[in-house]
């Protein structure tokens, strides 16, 4: 719930990502990368 609020994304969207029912959009991946101070490649699992 906190992550959804910080990213201005619905809680249900985050829950669906966690359950593997959907994948985040490109804009959500960018928000996640900024929130966690990581590269989008890292978020996508392309780098360690």
N, C-alpha and C. Protein backbone atom coordinates (compact mmCIF):
# COMPACT_ATOMS: atom_id res chain seq x y z
N UNK A 1 0.82 -1.19 0.00
CA UNK A 1 0.00 0.00 0.00
C UNK A 1 0.87 1.26 0.00
N UNK A 2 1.94 1.25 0.78
CA UNK A 2 2.82 2.41 0.84
C UNK A 2 3.50 2.67 -0.49
N UNK A 3 3.95 1.60 -1.14
CA UNK A 3 4.61 1.75 -2.45
C UNK A 3 3.64 2.34 -3.45
N UNK A 4 2.44 1.84 -3.50
CA UNK A 4 1.43 2.35 -4.42
C UNK A 4 1.19 3.83 -4.19
N UNK A 5 1.10 4.21 -2.94
CA UNK A 5 0.85 5.61 -2.60
C UNK A 5 2.02 6.50 -3.02
N UNK A 6 3.23 6.05 -2.76
CA UNK A 6 4.43 6.83 -3.10
C UNK A 6 4.57 7.00 -4.62
N UNK A 7 4.15 5.99 -5.37
CA UNK A 7 4.29 6.03 -6.84
C UNK A 7 3.04 6.57 -7.53
N UNK A 8 2.01 6.87 -6.74
CA UNK A 8 0.74 7.34 -7.29
C UNK A 8 0.16 6.32 -8.27
N UNK A 9 0.18 5.07 -7.84
CA UNK A 9 -0.33 3.93 -8.61
C UNK A 9 -1.33 3.21 -7.71
N UNK A 10 -2.34 2.60 -8.29
CA UNK A 10 -3.33 1.92 -7.46
C UNK A 10 -2.72 0.74 -6.72
N UNK A 11 -3.26 0.48 -5.56
CA UNK A 11 -2.80 -0.65 -4.75
C UNK A 11 -3.06 -1.96 -5.48
N UNK A 12 -4.16 -2.04 -6.20
CA UNK A 12 -4.48 -3.27 -6.93
C UNK A 12 -3.47 -3.53 -8.04
N UNK A 13 -2.94 -2.48 -8.66
CA UNK A 13 -1.92 -2.66 -9.70
C UNK A 13 -0.66 -3.28 -9.11
N UNK A 14 -0.23 -2.78 -7.97
CA UNK A 14 0.96 -3.31 -7.31
C UNK A 14 0.71 -4.77 -6.89
N UNK A 15 -0.46 -5.04 -6.37
CA UNK A 15 -0.79 -6.41 -5.96
C UNK A 15 -0.75 -7.36 -7.15
N UNK A 16 -1.23 -6.93 -8.29
CA UNK A 16 -1.21 -7.77 -9.50
C UNK A 16 0.22 -8.04 -9.96
N UNK A 17 1.10 -7.03 -9.82
CA UNK A 17 2.52 -7.26 -10.15
C UNK A 17 3.09 -8.32 -9.23
N UNK A 18 2.81 -8.19 -7.94
CA UNK A 18 3.35 -9.12 -6.94
C UNK A 18 2.86 -10.54 -7.18
N UNK A 19 1.64 -10.67 -7.65
CA UNK A 19 1.06 -11.99 -7.91
C UNK A 19 1.41 -12.53 -9.30
N UNK A 20 2.08 -11.72 -10.10
CA UNK A 20 2.45 -12.15 -11.44
C UNK A 20 1.30 -12.15 -12.42
N UNK A 21 0.22 -11.45 -12.08
CA UNK A 21 -0.94 -11.40 -12.98
C UNK A 21 -0.75 -10.38 -14.09
N UNK A 22 -0.03 -9.31 -13.81
CA UNK A 22 0.28 -8.30 -14.81
C UNK A 22 1.72 -7.84 -14.61
N UNK A 23 2.20 -7.07 -15.57
CA UNK A 23 3.53 -6.49 -15.45
C UNK A 23 3.41 -4.97 -15.47
N UNK A 24 4.33 -4.29 -14.81
CA UNK A 24 4.25 -2.83 -14.78
C UNK A 24 4.44 -2.23 -16.17
N UNK A 25 3.81 -1.09 -16.39
CA UNK A 25 3.99 -0.36 -17.64
C UNK A 25 5.38 0.27 -17.65
N UNK A 26 5.78 0.78 -18.79
CA UNK A 26 7.07 1.45 -18.90
C UNK A 26 7.15 2.63 -17.94
N UNK A 27 6.08 3.41 -17.85
CA UNK A 27 6.10 4.57 -16.94
C UNK A 27 6.19 4.13 -15.49
N UNK A 28 5.56 3.02 -15.14
CA UNK A 28 5.66 2.50 -13.78
C UNK A 28 7.07 2.00 -13.48
N UNK A 29 7.72 1.39 -14.45
CA UNK A 29 9.09 0.92 -14.27
C UNK A 29 10.02 2.10 -14.01
N UNK A 30 9.80 3.18 -14.73
CA UNK A 30 10.60 4.39 -14.52
C UNK A 30 10.37 4.93 -13.12
N UNK A 31 9.13 4.97 -12.66
CA UNK A 31 8.83 5.43 -11.31
C UNK A 31 9.47 4.53 -10.26
N UNK A 32 9.43 3.21 -10.49
CA UNK A 32 10.06 2.27 -9.56
C UNK A 32 11.57 2.50 -9.49
N UNK A 33 12.19 2.70 -10.65
CA UNK A 33 13.63 2.92 -10.69
C UNK A 33 14.01 4.18 -9.91
N UNK A 34 13.24 5.24 -10.09
CA UNK A 34 13.52 6.48 -9.36
C UNK A 34 13.27 6.30 -7.87
N UNK A 35 12.19 5.62 -7.51
CA UNK A 35 11.86 5.40 -6.10
C UNK A 35 12.95 4.61 -5.39
N UNK A 36 13.44 3.54 -6.04
CA UNK A 36 14.45 2.68 -5.42
C UNK A 36 15.88 3.12 -5.74
N UNK A 37 16.02 4.21 -6.50
CA UNK A 37 17.33 4.74 -6.90
C UNK A 37 18.16 3.66 -7.59
N UNK A 38 17.54 3.01 -8.55
CA UNK A 38 18.18 1.96 -9.35
C UNK A 38 17.94 2.27 -10.82
N UNK A 39 18.69 1.60 -11.68
CA UNK A 39 18.47 1.78 -13.12
C UNK A 39 17.26 0.96 -13.56
N UNK A 40 16.67 1.36 -14.66
CA UNK A 40 15.56 0.58 -15.20
C UNK A 40 16.04 -0.81 -15.61
N UNK A 41 17.28 -0.91 -16.09
CA UNK A 41 17.84 -2.23 -16.44
C UNK A 41 17.86 -3.14 -15.22
N UNK A 42 18.21 -2.60 -14.07
CA UNK A 42 18.22 -3.40 -12.84
C UNK A 42 16.80 -3.83 -12.48
N UNK A 43 15.86 -2.91 -12.56
CA UNK A 43 14.46 -3.22 -12.25
C UNK A 43 13.95 -4.33 -13.17
N UNK A 44 14.38 -4.30 -14.42
CA UNK A 44 13.95 -5.30 -15.40
C UNK A 44 14.74 -6.61 -15.31
N UNK A 45 15.77 -6.64 -14.47
CA UNK A 45 16.56 -7.85 -14.30
C UNK A 45 17.61 -8.05 -15.38
N UNK A 46 17.97 -6.97 -16.06
CA UNK A 46 18.96 -7.07 -17.13
C UNK A 46 20.39 -6.90 -16.64
N UNK A 47 20.55 -6.30 -15.46
CA UNK A 47 21.87 -6.16 -14.84
C UNK A 47 21.79 -6.55 -13.39
N UNK A 48 22.95 -6.80 -12.81
CA UNK A 48 23.01 -7.16 -11.38
C UNK A 48 23.17 -5.94 -10.51
